[in-house]
Structures are given as structure tokens and as C-alpha cells.
N, C-alpha and C. Protein backbone atom coordinates (compact mmCIF):
# COMPACT_ATOMS: atom_id res chain seq x y z
N UNK A 1 234.50 204.04 11.42
CA UNK A 1 234.65 202.05 10.56
C UNK A 1 236.55 201.89 11.66
N UNK A 2 236.29 200.99 12.28
CA UNK A 2 237.23 200.26 12.89
C UNK A 2 238.05 199.06 11.69
N UNK A 3 239.33 199.17 11.67
CA UNK A 3 239.90 198.52 10.29
C UNK A 3 241.32 197.67 11.17
N UNK A 4 241.33 196.90 11.32
CA UNK A 4 242.34 195.71 12.01
C UNK A 4 243.16 194.43 10.91
N UNK A 5 244.54 195.11 10.97
CA UNK A 5 245.21 194.14 9.92
C UNK A 5 244.78 192.73 10.35
N UNK A 6 245.48 191.91 9.64
CA UNK A 6 245.48 190.27 10.39
C UNK A 6 246.87 189.85 9.93
N UNK A 7 247.11 188.17 10.16
CA UNK A 7 248.21 188.31 9.99
C UNK A 7 248.86 187.70 8.91
N UNK A 8 247.74 187.83 7.63
CA UNK A 8 248.53 187.79 6.22
C UNK A 8 248.25 189.32 5.53
N UNK A 9 248.98 189.53 4.60
CA UNK A 9 249.12 191.05 4.40
C UNK A 9 247.95 191.43 3.40
N UNK A 10 247.06 192.44 3.62
CA UNK A 10 246.34 192.57 2.97
C UNK A 10 244.51 192.40 3.39
N UNK A 11 244.90 191.08 4.41
CA UNK A 11 243.82 190.76 4.69
C UNK A 11 243.28 191.92 5.82
N UNK A 12 241.90 192.25 5.41
CA UNK A 12 241.06 193.39 6.70
C UNK A 12 240.47 192.58 7.34
N UNK A 13 240.10 193.05 8.63
CA UNK A 13 238.71 193.05 9.34
C UNK A 13 238.73 194.66 9.51
N UNK A 14 237.25 194.54 8.95
CA UNK A 14 236.70 195.89 9.03
C UNK A 14 235.25 195.98 9.93
N UNK A 15 235.46 196.78 10.94
CA UNK A 15 233.94 196.69 11.73
C UNK A 15 233.48 198.11 11.84
N UNK A 16 232.43 198.03 10.77
CA UNK A 16 231.73 199.57 11.07
C UNK A 16 230.50 200.12 12.87
N UNK A 17 230.73 201.28 12.70
CA UNK A 17 230.35 201.67 14.17
C UNK A 17 229.20 201.35 14.11
N UNK A 18 228.04 201.03 15.09
CA UNK A 18 227.04 201.22 15.40
C UNK A 18 226.45 202.29 16.02
N UNK A 19 225.26 202.44 15.63
CA UNK A 19 224.98 203.69 16.54
C UNK A 19 222.73 203.12 16.84
N UNK A 20 223.08 203.02 18.35
CA UNK A 20 221.97 202.11 18.41
C UNK A 20 221.23 202.85 19.64
N UNK A 21 219.64 202.64 19.28
CA UNK A 21 218.68 202.94 20.32
C UNK A 21 217.95 202.03 20.82
N UNK A 22 216.73 202.12 21.52
CA UNK A 22 215.13 201.20 21.40
C UNK A 22 214.64 200.67 20.30
N UNK A 23 214.99 201.68 19.13
CA UNK A 23 214.78 200.71 17.91
C UNK A 23 215.58 200.08 16.97
N UNK A 24 216.85 199.83 17.32
CA UNK A 24 218.15 198.86 17.20
C UNK A 24 219.01 199.53 16.86
N UNK A 25 219.76 199.68 15.35
CA UNK A 25 220.90 200.19 15.09
C UNK A 25 220.81 200.77 13.45
N UNK A 26 221.75 201.73 13.32
CA UNK A 26 222.07 202.47 12.20
C UNK A 26 223.34 202.14 12.14
N UNK A 27 223.87 201.51 10.99
CA UNK A 27 225.66 201.96 10.66
C UNK A 27 225.96 201.71 8.91
N UNK A 28 227.30 202.31 9.25
CA UNK A 28 227.38 202.31 7.52
C UNK A 28 228.67 201.27 7.40
N UNK A 29 227.98 200.59 6.48
CA UNK A 29 228.75 199.66 6.42
C UNK A 29 230.14 199.30 5.35
N UNK A 30 229.82 200.64 4.57
CA UNK A 30 230.74 200.48 2.94
C UNK A 30 230.85 202.12 3.03
N UNK A 31 232.02 202.91 2.40
CA UNK A 31 232.56 204.49 2.96
C UNK A 31 233.76 204.24 1.86
N UNK A 32 233.74 204.54 0.53
CA UNK A 32 234.65 204.49 -0.10
C UNK A 32 235.67 205.42 0.29
N UNK A 33 235.50 206.71 0.71
CA UNK A 33 236.74 207.15 1.30
C UNK A 33 237.52 206.71 2.67
N UNK A 34 236.86 206.14 3.30
CA UNK A 34 237.43 205.28 4.15
C UNK A 34 238.21 204.27 3.89
N UNK A 35 237.32 203.20 3.10
CA UNK A 35 238.07 202.31 2.52
C UNK A 35 239.67 202.45 1.57
N UNK A 36 239.14 203.89 0.79
CA UNK A 36 240.71 204.41 0.13
C UNK A 36 241.87 204.89 0.77
N UNK A 37 241.27 205.06 1.90
CA UNK A 37 242.43 205.85 2.99
C UNK A 37 243.43 204.34 3.59
N UNK A 38 242.51 203.48 3.87
CA UNK A 38 242.67 201.94 4.18
C UNK A 38 243.45 201.42 3.26
N UNK A 39 243.44 201.55 1.89
CA UNK A 39 244.39 201.27 0.81
C UNK A 39 243.77 200.55 -0.26
N UNK A 40 242.33 200.31 0.18
CA UNK A 40 241.52 199.72 -0.52
C UNK A 40 241.10 200.48 -1.70
N UNK A 41 241.31 200.51 -2.83
CA UNK A 41 241.03 201.94 -4.07
C UNK A 41 240.41 200.82 -5.32
N UNK A 42 240.54 199.62 -5.54
CA UNK A 42 239.93 199.30 -6.50
C UNK A 42 238.41 199.66 -6.77
N UNK A 43 237.78 199.56 -7.64
CA UNK A 43 236.33 200.07 -7.10
C UNK A 43 235.29 198.43 -7.60
N UNK A 44 234.41 198.41 -6.15
CA UNK A 44 233.55 197.45 -6.45
C UNK A 44 232.53 197.50 -7.34
N UNK A 45 231.89 196.28 -8.56
CA UNK A 45 231.45 196.48 -9.33
C UNK A 45 230.16 195.12 -9.70
N UNK A 46 230.39 194.74 -8.19
CA UNK A 46 229.28 193.82 -8.12
C UNK A 46 228.88 193.18 -6.69
N UNK A 47 227.50 192.93 -6.01
CA UNK A 47 227.23 192.55 -5.00
C UNK A 47 226.34 191.23 -4.93
N UNK A 48 226.92 190.39 -4.12
CA UNK A 48 226.52 189.21 -4.35
C UNK A 48 225.75 189.13 -2.76
N UNK A 49 224.71 187.95 -2.73
CA UNK A 49 224.35 187.00 -1.27
C UNK A 49 223.54 185.82 -1.97
N UNK A 50 223.92 185.44 -0.62
CA UNK A 50 223.84 183.69 -0.73
C UNK A 50 223.29 183.40 1.04
N UNK A 51 222.33 182.57 0.95
CA UNK A 51 221.49 182.05 2.26
C UNK A 51 221.63 180.51 2.38
N UNK A 52 222.79 180.08 3.20
CA UNK A 52 222.74 178.98 3.70
C UNK A 52 221.62 178.02 4.43
N UNK A 53 220.35 177.48 4.36
CA UNK A 53 219.54 177.33 5.81
C UNK A 53 220.03 176.55 6.64
N UNK A 54 221.10 175.59 6.67
CA UNK A 54 221.74 174.61 7.49
C UNK A 54 223.03 175.08 7.92
N UNK A 55 223.14 174.52 9.38
CA UNK A 55 224.23 174.79 9.84
C UNK A 55 225.28 173.76 10.11
N UNK A 56 226.59 174.14 9.31
CA UNK A 56 227.70 173.16 8.88
C UNK A 56 227.83 173.50 7.05
N UNK A 57 227.18 174.24 7.02
CA UNK A 57 227.06 174.60 5.18
C UNK A 57 228.62 175.33 5.00
N UNK A 58 229.43 174.36 4.17
CA UNK A 58 230.92 175.02 3.52
C UNK A 58 230.69 175.42 2.57
N UNK A 59 230.99 176.71 2.04
CA UNK A 59 231.26 177.38 0.74
C UNK A 59 232.64 177.73 0.47
N UNK A 60 233.09 176.89 -0.65
CA UNK A 60 234.66 177.44 -0.54
C UNK A 60 235.65 176.13 -0.74
N UNK A 61 236.48 176.36 -0.98
CA UNK A 61 237.39 177.09 -1.04
C UNK A 61 237.27 178.08 -2.58
N UNK A 62 237.33 178.98 -2.49
CA UNK A 62 237.08 179.89 -4.69
C UNK A 62 238.10 180.78 -4.36
N UNK A 63 238.13 181.08 -5.71
CA UNK A 63 239.44 182.37 -6.24
C UNK A 63 238.79 182.11 -8.04
N UNK A 64 239.43 183.79 -8.42
CA UNK A 64 239.14 183.62 -9.50
C UNK A 64 239.95 184.65 -10.16
N UNK A 65 240.66 184.03 -11.28
CA UNK A 65 242.21 183.77 -11.02
C UNK A 65 242.06 185.24 -12.25
N UNK A 66 243.35 185.94 -12.72
CA UNK A 66 243.30 186.53 -13.65
C UNK A 66 243.10 186.21 -15.26
N UNK A 67 242.60 187.35 -15.80
CA UNK A 67 242.67 188.57 -15.80
C UNK A 67 240.83 188.96 -14.80
N UNK A 68 240.24 188.10 -14.36
CA UNK A 68 239.25 188.73 -13.56
C UNK A 68 239.25 188.48 -12.09
N UNK A 69 240.55 188.23 -11.71
CA UNK A 69 240.48 188.36 -10.19
C UNK A 69 239.60 189.30 -9.58
N UNK A 70 239.17 188.96 -8.36
CA UNK A 70 238.37 189.57 -7.58
C UNK A 70 238.87 190.09 -6.36
N UNK A 71 238.72 191.14 -5.86
CA UNK A 71 238.82 191.56 -4.28
C UNK A 71 237.63 191.54 -4.08
N UNK A 72 236.89 190.91 -2.30
CA UNK A 72 236.18 191.03 -1.95
C UNK A 72 235.56 191.62 -0.69
N UNK A 73 234.56 192.03 -0.37
CA UNK A 73 234.31 192.75 1.07
C UNK A 73 233.09 192.21 1.40
N UNK A 74 233.50 190.86 2.23
CA UNK A 74 232.03 189.77 3.19
C UNK A 74 231.60 190.93 4.18
N UNK A 75 230.46 190.63 4.29
CA UNK A 75 229.92 190.65 6.03
C UNK A 75 228.53 189.90 6.04
N UNK A 76 227.82 189.19 7.05
CA UNK A 76 227.02 188.35 7.44
C UNK A 76 225.87 189.38 7.48
N UNK A 77 224.81 188.80 7.20
CA UNK A 77 223.59 189.73 7.05
C UNK A 77 222.46 189.34 8.04
N UNK A 78 222.73 187.98 8.26
CA UNK A 78 221.78 187.01 9.50
C UNK A 78 222.02 185.70 9.51
N UNK A 79 222.42 185.51 10.97
CA UNK A 79 222.99 184.20 11.46
C UNK A 79 225.08 184.60 11.52
N UNK A 80 225.31 183.48 11.92
CA UNK A 80 226.81 183.91 11.38
C UNK A 80 227.88 182.54 10.92
N UNK A 81 228.31 183.36 10.43
CA UNK A 81 229.64 182.68 10.09
C UNK A 81 231.29 182.38 10.07
N UNK A 82 232.03 181.51 10.13
CA UNK A 82 233.22 181.76 10.01
C UNK A 82 233.91 181.81 8.48
N UNK A 83 234.55 183.06 8.44
CA UNK A 83 234.88 183.47 6.66
C UNK A 83 235.97 183.14 7.13
N UNK A 84 236.80 182.50 5.84
CA UNK A 84 238.27 181.90 5.95
C UNK A 84 239.02 182.46 4.72
N UNK A 85 240.20 183.03 4.71
CA UNK A 85 241.19 183.27 3.43
C UNK A 85 242.23 182.81 3.83
N UNK A 86 242.96 181.97 2.33
CA UNK A 86 244.27 181.56 2.74
C UNK A 86 245.06 182.34 1.59
N UNK A 87 245.97 182.60 1.53
CA UNK A 87 247.13 183.34 0.63
C UNK A 87 247.51 181.64 -0.64
N UNK A 88 247.25 182.53 -1.30
CA UNK A 88 247.45 181.72 -2.52
C UNK A 88 248.83 182.50 -3.64
N UNK A 89 249.28 183.79 -3.32
CA UNK A 89 250.19 184.32 -3.80
C UNK A 89 251.88 183.89 -3.60
N UNK A 90 252.06 183.21 -4.99
CA UNK A 90 253.37 182.54 -5.33
C UNK A 90 254.37 183.29 -4.60
N UNK A 91 255.71 183.07 -3.92
CA UNK A 91 256.09 183.52 -3.64
C UNK A 91 256.07 184.51 -1.88
N UNK A 92 254.72 184.32 -1.94
CA UNK A 92 254.51 185.31 -0.08
C UNK A 92 255.19 184.11 0.64
N UNK A 93 255.80 185.31 1.40
CA UNK A 93 255.93 184.57 3.28
C UNK A 93 255.35 183.96 3.63
N UNK A 94 253.99 184.24 3.52
CA UNK A 94 252.48 183.03 4.15
C UNK A 94 251.68 182.73 3.15
N UNK A 95 252.74 181.98 1.78
CA UNK A 95 251.66 181.10 1.06
C UNK A 95 251.10 180.25 1.76
N UNK A 96 249.67 180.11 1.83
CA UNK A 96 248.91 178.30 1.92
C UNK A 96 248.58 178.61 3.48
N UNK A 97 248.80 179.99 4.10
CA UNK A 97 248.41 180.02 5.36
C UNK A 97 246.94 181.14 5.32
N UNK A 98 246.42 180.82 6.26
CA UNK A 98 244.95 181.39 6.64
C UNK A 98 244.87 182.15 7.81
N UNK A 99 243.22 182.96 7.29
CA UNK A 99 242.81 183.63 8.67
C UNK A 99 241.27 182.93 9.08
N UNK A 100 240.82 182.74 9.79
CA UNK A 100 239.39 182.70 9.66
C UNK A 100 239.14 183.58 10.81
N UNK A 101 237.85 184.57 10.64
CA UNK A 101 237.19 185.57 11.14
C UNK A 101 235.71 184.93 11.84
N UNK A 102 235.23 185.11 12.64
CA UNK A 102 233.41 184.62 12.97
C UNK A 102 232.79 186.19 12.18
N UNK A 103 232.11 186.29 11.28
CA UNK A 103 231.29 187.56 11.09
C UNK A 103 229.60 186.79 11.38
N UNK A 104 229.02 187.98 11.75
CA UNK A 104 227.30 187.82 12.42
C UNK A 104 226.87 188.92 12.06
N UNK A 105 225.39 188.73 12.22
CA UNK A 105 224.94 190.12 11.90
C UNK A 105 225.17 190.57 13.51
N UNK A 106 225.17 190.06 14.33
CA UNK A 106 225.86 190.45 15.94
C UNK A 106 226.58 191.43 15.70
N UNK A 107 227.42 190.99 15.47
CA UNK A 107 228.98 191.72 15.62
C UNK A 107 229.60 192.85 14.69
N UNK A 108 228.52 192.14 13.65
CA UNK A 108 228.47 193.69 12.34
C UNK A 108 230.05 193.09 11.83
N UNK A 109 231.02 192.67 11.98
CA UNK A 109 232.44 192.65 11.30
C UNK A 109 232.29 191.84 9.65
N UNK A 110 233.56 192.66 9.05
CA UNK A 110 233.66 192.45 7.55
C UNK A 110 234.89 191.93 7.61
N UNK A 111 235.07 191.08 6.39
CA UNK A 111 236.29 191.01 6.10
C UNK A 111 236.35 191.17 4.83
N UNK A 112 237.69 192.06 4.37
CA UNK A 112 238.40 192.19 3.08
C UNK A 112 239.31 191.23 2.60
N UNK A 113 238.99 190.50 1.58
CA UNK A 113 240.02 189.47 0.78
C UNK A 113 240.54 189.66 -0.72
N UNK A 114 241.43 190.12 -0.54
CA UNK A 114 242.26 190.66 -1.36
C UNK A 114 242.26 189.31 -3.00
N UNK A 115 242.78 190.57 -3.73
CA UNK A 115 243.14 188.97 -5.05
C UNK A 115 244.40 188.17 -4.59
N UNK A 116 244.51 187.09 -5.05
CA UNK A 116 245.68 186.27 -4.59
C UNK A 116 245.21 185.99 -3.21
N UNK A 117 243.66 185.07 -2.86
CA UNK A 117 243.54 184.66 -2.17
C UNK A 117 242.39 183.42 -2.38
N UNK A 118 242.30 182.51 -1.22
CA UNK A 118 241.37 181.36 -1.55
C UNK A 118 240.41 182.00 -0.51
N UNK A 119 239.14 181.93 -1.06
CA UNK A 119 237.97 182.05 0.24
C UNK A 119 236.78 181.26 -0.10
N UNK A 120 236.46 181.18 1.58
CA UNK A 120 234.83 179.87 1.98
C UNK A 120 234.87 180.36 3.15
N UNK A 121 233.37 180.03 3.39
CA UNK A 121 232.87 180.07 4.27
C UNK A 121 232.09 178.99 5.40
N UNK A 122 231.71 178.65 6.61
CA UNK A 122 231.31 177.79 7.15
C UNK A 122 230.10 179.00 7.94
N UNK A 123 228.87 178.36 7.67
CA UNK A 123 227.30 178.53 8.68
C UNK A 123 227.63 177.69 9.71
N UNK A 124 226.94 178.73 10.82
CA UNK A 124 227.28 178.37 12.49
C UNK A 124 226.08 178.46 12.84
N UNK A 125 225.08 179.28 12.20
CA UNK A 125 223.79 179.72 12.41
C UNK A 125 222.59 179.32 11.60
N UNK A 126 221.44 178.26 11.92
CA UNK A 126 220.44 178.40 10.40
C UNK A 126 220.05 179.92 9.79
N UNK A 127 220.08 179.34 8.55
CA UNK A 127 219.88 180.66 7.74
C UNK A 127 220.75 181.76 7.93
N UNK A 128 221.56 181.95 7.20
CA UNK A 128 222.84 182.50 7.34
C UNK A 128 223.07 183.29 6.02
N UNK A 129 223.23 184.41 6.02
CA UNK A 129 222.96 184.88 4.75
C UNK A 129 224.77 186.13 4.55
N UNK A 130 225.38 185.88 3.89
CA UNK A 130 226.03 186.26 3.31
C UNK A 130 226.13 187.41 1.95
N UNK A 131 227.14 188.43 2.33
CA UNK A 131 226.90 189.72 1.58
C UNK A 131 228.09 189.84 1.18
N UNK A 132 228.30 189.82 -0.06
CA UNK A 132 229.82 190.37 -0.38
C UNK A 132 229.82 191.26 -1.77
N UNK A 133 230.52 192.27 -1.77
CA UNK A 133 230.85 193.24 -2.59
C UNK A 133 232.02 192.85 -3.71
N UNK A 134 232.47 192.57 -4.74
CA UNK A 134 233.44 192.08 -5.69
C UNK A 134 234.01 193.15 -6.31
N UNK A 135 235.15 193.43 -6.59
CA UNK A 135 236.14 194.33 -7.71
C UNK A 135 235.85 194.19 -9.28
N UNK A 136 235.57 192.89 -9.72
CA UNK A 136 235.47 192.46 -10.69
C UNK A 136 233.96 191.33 -11.05
N UNK A 137 233.87 191.61 -12.31
CA UNK A 137 232.29 190.53 -12.17
C UNK A 137 232.48 189.27 -12.58
N UNK A 138 231.84 188.06 -12.50
CA UNK A 138 231.87 187.00 -12.18
C UNK A 138 232.31 186.25 -13.61
N UNK A 139 233.05 185.66 -14.02
CA UNK A 139 233.72 185.17 -15.01
C UNK A 139 234.19 183.82 -14.71
N UNK A 140 232.82 182.64 -15.06
CA UNK A 140 232.77 181.34 -14.98
C UNK A 140 234.20 180.67 -15.71
N UNK A 141 234.91 181.16 -16.65
CA UNK A 141 236.04 180.74 -17.52
C UNK A 141 237.60 180.84 -16.41
N UNK A 142 237.12 181.73 -15.26
CA UNK A 142 238.30 181.92 -14.26
C UNK A 142 238.23 181.62 -13.06
N UNK A 143 236.82 180.80 -13.11
CA UNK A 143 236.41 180.33 -11.49
C UNK A 143 237.22 179.00 -11.16
N UNK A 144 237.77 178.88 -10.26
CA UNK A 144 238.46 177.92 -9.24
C UNK A 144 237.73 177.72 -8.09
N UNK A 145 238.48 176.13 -7.65
CA UNK A 145 238.34 175.83 -6.12
C UNK A 145 239.50 175.01 -5.57
N UNK A 146 239.31 175.06 -4.62
CA UNK A 146 240.20 174.38 -3.61
C UNK A 146 239.18 173.43 -2.74
N UNK A 147 239.97 172.23 -2.40
CA UNK A 147 238.82 171.62 -1.34
C UNK A 147 239.41 172.11 0.03
N UNK A 148 238.07 172.45 0.88
CA UNK A 148 237.86 173.07 1.73
C UNK A 148 238.51 172.21 3.00
N UNK A 149 238.98 170.94 3.06
CA UNK A 149 239.40 170.26 3.95
C UNK A 149 241.12 169.67 3.39
N UNK A 150 241.83 170.57 2.69
CA UNK A 150 242.81 169.90 2.44
C UNK A 150 243.63 169.76 3.46
N UNK A 151 244.71 168.53 3.61
CA UNK A 151 245.13 168.53 5.32
C UNK A 151 246.39 169.55 4.77
N UNK A 152 247.33 169.91 3.73
CA UNK A 152 248.05 170.66 4.31
C UNK A 152 247.71 172.10 4.46
N UNK A 153 246.26 172.34 4.24
CA UNK A 153 245.78 173.77 4.62
C UNK A 153 245.89 173.68 6.62
N UNK A 154 244.82 172.71 6.98
CA UNK A 154 245.02 172.41 8.34
C UNK A 154 244.16 173.78 8.92
N UNK A 155 242.95 173.82 8.10
CA UNK A 155 241.90 175.02 8.85
C UNK A 155 241.29 174.22 9.71
N UNK A 156 240.64 174.67 10.66
CA UNK A 156 239.80 174.06 11.67
C UNK A 156 238.37 174.81 11.40
N UNK A 157 237.50 173.98 10.28
CA UNK A 157 236.45 174.44 10.48
C UNK A 157 235.38 174.38 11.18
N UNK A 158 235.72 173.91 12.43
CA UNK A 158 234.44 173.52 13.49
C UNK A 158 233.25 172.78 13.54
N UNK A 159 233.66 171.73 12.14
CA UNK A 159 232.70 171.18 11.91
C UNK A 159 233.40 169.72 10.98
N UNK A 160 232.63 168.77 11.02
CA UNK A 160 233.26 167.38 10.92
C UNK A 160 232.94 167.63 9.32
N UNK A 161 234.30 167.44 8.65
CA UNK A 161 234.36 167.25 7.60
C UNK A 161 233.27 166.37 6.50
N UNK A 162 233.52 165.34 6.98
CA UNK A 162 232.19 164.13 6.94
C UNK A 162 231.02 164.68 6.79
N UNK A 163 230.60 165.72 7.60
CA UNK A 163 229.16 166.07 7.68
C UNK A 163 229.07 167.08 7.19
N UNK A 164 230.01 167.66 6.66
CA UNK A 164 229.65 168.92 6.00
C UNK A 164 228.80 168.89 4.86
N UNK A 165 228.06 170.01 5.24
CA UNK A 165 227.21 169.99 3.63
C UNK A 165 227.92 171.24 2.68
N UNK A 166 228.23 170.54 1.17
CA UNK A 166 228.69 170.98 0.62
C UNK A 166 228.26 170.38 -1.12
N UNK A 167 228.24 172.01 -2.06
CA UNK A 167 228.09 171.27 -3.64
C UNK A 167 229.09 170.52 -3.90
N UNK A 168 228.29 170.13 -5.08
CA UNK A 168 229.31 168.66 -5.40
C UNK A 168 230.42 169.33 -6.33
N UNK A 169 230.62 170.86 -6.60
CA UNK A 169 231.50 171.65 -7.43
C UNK A 169 232.66 171.64 -6.56
N UNK A 170 232.26 171.90 -4.96
CA UNK A 170 233.16 171.97 -3.89
C UNK A 170 234.02 170.85 -3.15
N UNK A 171 232.58 169.68 -3.15
CA UNK A 171 233.31 168.45 -2.92
C UNK A 171 233.98 167.52 -3.59
N UNK A 172 234.03 168.01 -5.06
CA UNK A 172 235.19 167.39 -6.08
C UNK A 172 236.25 168.63 -6.46
N UNK A 173 236.71 169.37 -5.29
CA UNK A 173 237.74 170.35 -5.76
C UNK A 173 239.11 169.84 -5.48
N UNK A 174 239.93 170.33 -6.14
CA UNK A 174 241.23 169.62 -5.79
C UNK A 174 242.02 169.75 -4.56
N UNK A 175 242.72 168.88 -4.43
CA UNK A 175 243.47 169.20 -3.01
C UNK A 175 244.28 170.26 -2.72
N UNK A 176 244.66 170.82 -2.28
CA UNK A 176 246.19 172.17 -1.89
C UNK A 176 247.29 171.92 -2.44
N UNK A 177 247.61 170.84 -1.87
CA UNK A 177 248.89 169.66 -2.68
C UNK A 177 249.15 169.56 -3.73
N UNK A 178 247.90 170.00 -4.80
CA UNK A 178 248.24 169.40 -5.86
C UNK A 178 247.89 170.45 -6.63
N UNK A 179 247.57 172.18 -6.21
CA UNK A 179 246.68 173.02 -6.74
C UNK A 179 248.45 173.94 -7.27
N UNK A 180 248.02 174.62 -8.52
CA UNK A 180 249.46 175.09 -9.26
C UNK A 180 248.61 176.77 -9.03
N UNK A 181 248.91 177.77 -8.35
CA UNK A 181 248.39 179.29 -8.07
C UNK A 181 248.74 180.04 -9.66
N UNK A 182 247.70 180.55 -9.87
CA UNK A 182 247.93 181.65 -11.07
C UNK A 182 247.95 183.40 -10.25
N UNK A 183 248.44 183.29 -9.38
CA UNK A 183 248.55 184.79 -9.12
C UNK A 183 250.50 184.90 -8.60
N UNK A 184 251.29 185.20 -9.47
CA UNK A 184 252.27 185.81 -9.09
C UNK A 184 253.13 186.73 -8.01
């Protein structure tokens, strides 16, 4: 696996090797020993999958607060998406900064998003499937979101925010300027 650091400490781009022939390819997408060597030591306890039918579907920006904060290892099983992580660690030199990485079934890239980050994505192709591992179970009482189009975040989603397809929860999320982080 090729592991790249990003401009945000702890957020990693992980690209598994692919071995292909005329039938297709084989790829090892998760290996505990390799990730431990990269500093990812928490145990993954839950796998999630979502499918977004339409291009321009935005999910996020989401987080799960302590005591049930989650690390996520995100990949695309079908289609393509722009995956976004935003630093929300109080006192961090990069607080409020983001990274965006295209994940696709074709490129095989994954994004590791540690605790203390918002996470979201926008679909770039129809019927885009996202698969991700989490290091804690879903806890509705710790679930939170920040509006994806918060002006102070300046994230280029590549979609007109007025035409983005979002859930009611995401449409009504608070602006980042009003957000009080639970991550010390």
C-alpha cells in the first residue's frame, strides 16, 4: 500500500496496490499490520455502505463527538466522489482547514479520516457507492453536522450549492462560524 500524508496531520491517502490481468484485478484494501505501521492503531468495529443515485449528492459534513468519536477509512466501491475532511481539533494550527481527495472505483484510493475531523463527500458519477470502516459504533446522541457550504470553510465542492442534493439534516446543519468543537 502507498500511504501519503496530507496537509492535515493524521489525514492519510492510502492507495492499495492492484494486481491485474485480462480478468480484472485483485487488491488488498485493508491490512491491520500495514496500517499499524502507518500509525493507525485503533480497531475498526463497524463497516458502513451508502449508495447515492444522483451526481451532486452531498453527504456531510458529519462528525461523532466523544465519547464515541470515530476514525474512518473511506473508499469508493462504484462510481466516484470527492471526499472531504475538515480539521475541528481545538488549538490545531490547521483548525478549519480542509483536504479534498477524489476517490473512485477506478483509482482505488482511500482516505483515512481520524477523530477530530468533519467528514463529507459529493458524488461525481451516478450510482456512487461509498464504503467505510469506523473505530466506534454509531451513537445517535453523539452525532453532529456542520453545513457543507459554510462560507468560512471555502470548500470547492464542484457543484452549485443550490442544486446539491442533500438530506433535511444536512440542509439544516449549523454554519461552521457558529460551531463549537467538542474536540480538545
